[in-house]
Protein backbone atom coordinates (compact mmCIF):
# COMPACT_ATOMS: atom_id res chain seq x y z
CA MET A 1 6.37 20.78 -9.61
CA THR A 2 6.52 17.35 -11.19
CA THR A 3 3.72 15.34 -12.74
CA LEU A 4 3.99 11.59 -12.56
CA LYS A 5 3.10 9.98 -15.86
CA THR A 6 2.01 6.37 -15.59
CA SER A 7 -0.58 4.38 -17.47
CA ASN A 8 -0.52 1.55 -14.96
CA LYS A 9 -2.51 1.77 -11.71
CA TYR A 10 -2.25 -0.29 -8.55
CA PHE A 11 -5.22 -1.93 -6.86
CA ILE A 12 -4.00 -3.46 -3.62
CA CYS A 13 -6.05 -5.55 -1.18
CA ASN A 14 -4.86 -5.68 2.41
CA PHE A 15 -7.01 -8.37 3.99
CA LYS A 16 -5.48 -7.79 7.43
CA SER A 17 -6.42 -10.58 9.92
CA LEU A 18 -10.11 -10.61 9.05
CA LEU A 19 -10.66 -13.83 7.08
CA LEU A 20 -10.12 -17.56 7.61
CA LYS A 21 -8.97 -20.34 5.28
CA GLU A 22 -12.46 -21.11 3.98
CA ASP A 23 -13.03 -17.41 3.25
CA PHE A 24 -9.84 -17.17 1.18
CA LEU A 25 -10.70 -20.31 -0.75
CA GLU A 26 -14.06 -18.76 -1.65
CA LEU A 27 -12.42 -15.41 -2.40
CA LYS A 28 -9.99 -17.11 -4.75
CA GLU A 29 -12.83 -18.69 -6.70
CA GLU A 30 -14.75 -15.42 -6.93
CA LEU A 31 -11.67 -13.42 -7.98
CA ASN A 32 -11.24 -15.81 -10.89
CA LYS A 33 -14.49 -14.36 -12.26
CA LEU A 34 -13.17 -10.81 -12.09
CA GLU A 35 -12.62 -9.24 -15.50
CA GLN A 36 -9.14 -7.80 -15.09
CA THR A 37 -7.39 -5.21 -17.25
CA ASP A 38 -3.78 -4.59 -18.17
CA LYS A 39 -4.27 -1.02 -16.94
CA ILE A 40 -4.36 -2.25 -13.33
CA THR A 41 -1.86 -4.24 -11.28
CA LEU A 42 -3.94 -6.19 -8.79
CA VAL A 43 -2.02 -7.15 -5.63
CA LEU A 44 -3.40 -9.46 -2.93
CA CYS A 45 -2.02 -9.19 0.62
CA PRO A 46 -3.41 -12.06 2.71
CA PRO A 47 -1.96 -12.98 6.11
CA THR A 48 1.26 -14.97 5.72
CA THR A 49 -0.65 -18.05 6.93
CA TYR A 50 -2.76 -18.06 3.76
CA LEU A 51 -0.26 -17.01 1.11
CA TYR A 52 -0.04 -20.65 0.01
CA ILE A 53 -3.66 -20.55 -1.20
CA PHE A 54 -2.62 -18.23 -4.06
CA LEU A 55 0.70 -19.90 -4.92
CA ASN A 56 -0.45 -21.51 -8.16
CA THR A 57 -2.26 -18.45 -9.49
CA ASP A 58 -1.27 -15.46 -11.62
CA TYR A 59 -2.07 -12.96 -8.88
CA ASN A 60 0.57 -10.57 -7.60
CA LEU A 61 1.14 -11.42 -3.96
CA GLY A 62 2.06 -8.99 -1.20
CA SER A 63 3.05 -9.60 2.40
CA GLN A 64 1.43 -7.58 5.19
CA GLU A 65 4.80 -7.51 6.96
CA ILE A 66 8.46 -8.23 6.29
CA SER A 67 11.37 -8.73 8.67
CA MET A 68 14.22 -6.30 9.08
CA TYR A 69 16.46 -9.37 9.57
CA GLU A 70 17.94 -11.91 7.23
CA ASN A 71 17.21 -15.64 7.81
CA GLY A 72 18.30 -16.68 11.28
CA ALA A 73 17.21 -17.22 14.87
CA HIS A 74 14.38 -14.67 14.75
CA THR A 75 11.33 -16.49 16.03
CA GLY A 76 8.08 -15.19 14.60
CA GLU A 77 9.72 -13.15 11.84
CA ASN A 78 9.07 -13.57 8.11
CA SER A 79 12.30 -12.89 6.22
CA ALA A 80 12.36 -11.39 2.75
CA GLU A 81 13.97 -14.55 1.35
CA GLN A 82 11.25 -16.74 2.85
CA LEU A 83 8.52 -14.49 1.49
CA ARG A 84 10.09 -14.46 -1.98
CA SER A 85 10.02 -18.28 -1.95
CA LEU A 86 6.24 -17.94 -1.63
CA ASN A 87 6.13 -15.79 -4.77
CA VAL A 88 5.66 -12.58 -2.78
CA SER A 89 6.62 -9.58 -4.90
CA TYR A 90 5.28 -6.71 -2.72
CA ALA A 91 5.50 -5.96 1.00
CA LEU A 92 3.75 -3.42 3.23
CA VAL A 93 6.16 -1.31 5.30
CA GLY A 94 5.37 1.37 7.89
CA HIS A 95 1.64 0.77 8.25
CA HIS A 96 0.31 2.83 11.14
CA GLU A 97 -0.14 -0.33 13.24
CA SER A 98 3.61 -0.98 12.89
CA ARG A 99 4.55 2.61 13.64
CA HIS A 100 2.16 3.37 16.48
CA ILE A 101 1.50 -0.01 18.09
CA LEU A 102 4.76 -1.85 17.49
CA LYS A 103 6.74 1.43 17.76
CA GLU A 104 8.87 0.76 14.68
CA ASN A 105 11.32 3.59 13.97
CA ASP A 106 12.93 4.87 10.79
CA ASN A 107 15.94 2.55 11.17
CA THR A 108 13.67 -0.50 11.34
CA LEU A 109 11.64 0.67 8.36
CA LEU A 110 14.75 1.40 6.31
CA ASN A 111 16.11 -2.08 6.98
CA LYS A 112 12.80 -3.62 5.93
CA ILE A 113 12.79 -1.63 2.69
CA VAL A 114 16.38 -2.61 1.89
CA ASN A 115 15.73 -6.28 2.69
CA ALA A 116 12.66 -6.31 0.49
CA TYR A 117 14.55 -4.84 -2.46
CA LYS A 118 17.41 -7.31 -1.99
CA TYR A 119 15.02 -10.15 -2.73
CA ASN A 120 13.16 -8.43 -5.56
CA ILE A 121 10.17 -7.44 -3.44
CA LYS A 122 8.67 -4.00 -4.01
CA PRO A 123 8.24 -2.11 -0.72
CA ILE A 124 4.91 -0.32 -0.20
CA TYR A 125 5.66 2.47 2.28
CA PHE A 126 2.89 4.11 4.32
CA ILE A 127 2.68 7.72 5.49
CA GLY A 128 -0.20 9.65 7.06
CA GLU A 129 -1.33 11.91 9.86
CA THR A 130 -3.49 11.31 12.93
CA LYS A 131 -6.76 13.15 13.62
CA GLU A 132 -5.02 15.36 16.19
CA GLU A 133 -2.23 16.22 13.77
CA LYS A 134 -4.76 17.08 11.08
CA GLU A 135 -6.77 19.30 13.45
CA ASN A 136 -3.57 21.08 14.48
CA ASN A 137 -2.68 21.75 10.83
CA LYS A 138 0.41 19.52 11.02
CA THR A 139 -0.39 17.25 8.09
CA HIS A 140 2.40 18.57 5.88
CA GLU A 141 4.86 18.50 8.76
CA VAL A 142 4.07 14.83 9.47
CA LEU A 143 4.29 13.87 5.82
CA THR A 144 7.64 15.68 5.48
CA ASN A 145 9.04 13.85 8.51
CA GLU A 146 7.86 10.43 7.32
CA LEU A 147 9.21 11.01 3.82
CA ALA A 148 12.63 12.05 5.12
CA LEU A 149 13.95 8.48 5.21
CA LEU A 150 13.82 8.43 1.41
CA LYS A 151 17.01 10.49 1.47
CA HIS A 152 18.82 7.42 2.81
CA LEU A 153 17.76 5.12 -0.02
CA PRO A 154 19.79 4.67 -3.24
CA LYS A 155 18.20 5.44 -6.59
CA ASN A 156 17.72 1.77 -7.54
CA ILE A 157 15.57 1.14 -4.46
CA LEU A 158 13.63 4.38 -4.88
CA THR A 159 12.53 3.40 -8.37
CA ASP A 160 10.99 0.20 -6.92
CA LEU A 161 9.17 1.96 -4.09
CA ILE A 162 5.44 2.68 -3.82
CA ILE A 163 4.17 5.34 -1.41
CA VAL A 164 0.79 5.01 0.31
CA TYR A 165 -0.89 8.10 1.66
CA GLU A 166 -3.20 6.69 4.30
CA PRO A 167 -4.47 9.28 6.82
CA ILE A 168 -4.67 7.45 10.14
CA TRP A 169 -7.87 9.30 11.05
CA SER A 170 -9.54 7.87 7.98
CA ILE A 171 -8.78 4.18 8.60
CA GLY A 172 -11.97 2.31 9.51
CA SER A 173 -13.79 5.58 10.21
CA GLY A 174 -15.90 5.73 7.07
CA THR A 175 -14.52 9.25 6.52
CA THR A 176 -12.11 10.20 3.77
CA PRO A 177 -10.44 13.46 2.74
CA THR A 178 -12.47 15.58 0.36
CA LYS A 179 -11.37 15.56 -3.25
CA GLU A 180 -9.79 19.00 -2.71
CA GLU A 181 -7.91 17.85 0.42
CA LEU A 182 -6.72 14.68 -1.24
CA THR A 183 -5.63 16.51 -4.40
CA SER A 184 -3.68 19.03 -2.30
CA ASN A 185 -1.99 16.40 -0.13
CA ILE A 186 -1.06 14.15 -3.05
CA SER A 187 0.42 17.17 -4.83
CA PHE A 188 2.43 18.04 -1.71
CA ILE A 189 3.71 14.47 -1.38
CA ASN A 190 4.56 14.26 -5.06
CA ASN A 191 6.55 17.49 -5.00
CA SER A 192 8.22 16.60 -1.70
CA ILE A 193 9.40 13.27 -3.09
CA PHE A 194 10.82 14.86 -6.19
CA ASN A 195 12.59 17.58 -4.21
CA LEU A 196 14.08 14.96 -1.88
CA THR A 197 15.10 12.36 -4.44
CA ASN A 198 14.77 13.82 -7.94
CA THR A 199 12.72 10.69 -8.63
CA ASP A 200 9.10 10.07 -9.52
CA ILE A 201 7.58 7.48 -7.17
CA PRO A 202 4.03 6.15 -7.53
CA ILE A 203 1.65 7.40 -4.81
CA ILE A 204 -1.51 5.50 -3.93
CA TYR A 205 -4.29 6.26 -1.47
CA GLY A 206 -5.75 4.16 1.37
CA GLY A 207 -8.34 4.79 4.06
CA SER A 208 -12.09 3.97 4.16
CA ILE A 209 -12.40 3.44 0.39
CA ASN A 210 -15.88 2.29 -0.57
CA GLU A 211 -18.20 1.91 -3.56
CA HIS A 212 -19.18 5.58 -3.44
CA ASN A 213 -15.99 7.56 -2.80
CA ILE A 214 -13.93 5.52 -5.26
CA ASN A 215 -15.51 7.72 -7.96
CA TYR A 216 -13.72 10.91 -6.90
CA ILE A 217 -10.63 9.17 -5.51
CA ALA A 218 -9.98 7.66 -8.94
CA GLU A 219 -9.99 11.15 -10.50
CA VAL A 220 -7.37 12.72 -8.20
CA PRO A 221 -4.31 13.86 -10.23
CA ASN A 222 -0.95 12.13 -9.66
CA LEU A 223 -2.60 9.23 -7.85
CA SER A 224 -1.31 5.90 -9.12
CA GLY A 225 -3.73 3.58 -7.36
CA VAL A 226 -5.59 2.58 -4.23
CA ILE A 227 -5.23 0.16 -1.35
CA LEU A 228 -8.31 -1.36 0.25
CA GLY A 229 -8.49 -2.68 3.80
CA GLU A 230 -11.69 -4.04 5.29
CA SER A 231 -13.71 -3.33 2.11
CA SER A 232 -11.61 -5.93 0.30
CA THR A 233 -12.87 -8.70 2.59
CA ASN A 234 -16.36 -8.61 1.03
CA ILE A 235 -16.00 -10.03 -2.46
CA GLU A 236 -18.99 -8.19 -3.94
CA THR A 237 -17.79 -4.87 -2.52
CA LEU A 238 -14.28 -5.57 -3.79
CA LYS A 239 -15.53 -6.36 -7.28
CA ASN A 240 -17.77 -3.28 -7.38
CA ILE A 241 -14.94 -0.99 -6.32
CA TYR A 242 -12.55 -2.62 -8.78
CA ASN A 243 -14.97 -2.36 -11.70
CA THR A 244 -15.82 1.27 -10.93
CA TYR A 245 -12.14 2.12 -10.68
CA LYS A 246 -11.38 0.30 -13.92
CA ASN A 247 -14.06 2.24 -15.77
CA ILE A 248 -12.84 5.63 -14.56
CA ILE A 249 -9.09 5.47 -15.06
């Protein structure tokens, strides 16, 4: 068993496609009032359309998607080089919407991770089980299968990777794993990663995080941060979650 030792925590906001230009301009002004701490790396992931709003700020920017292709005749794609030119330093890879709706496979996800690293963008790789898989006691099997692609990544990329445990059944449901379930699954992921790669990789949690459950989520061992979805689109909720998290870690 390995214990990941890190003083720095991630607080990532995935705004999805839920806000418009005026909302992000207001959000930017409100975030400037947030009392940040060096203990937390705050990462904002707006839609590509609105990345420009945060260009002249000190915020860490993440892309909600990244292409598996280099620059070229790939209409609708956002290449890693293009994203880097917008000061993007993180990219979400393997979100359940990409896996289950767009049917992205391991080869696609690997190429995205490699492309991100090539342009100094940290890949944020998602894993997690469905409700049916959870009910059939297949959580560890699913996590093992989705972590298997790490075997195909060189050490230098692995050390830049961030893993997100985001149970698909939890997204938007208002339901999260219990503290015991989350502790057990994070421990399993942590040990699986080390056995596969002999490397410590930060693991963060996502899925229906709110102002109440952040209290116990923040206390889970070996958890290096959180990623918010819809709850990040309300600035007061975002600030409350951030401040609570900051005071606990």
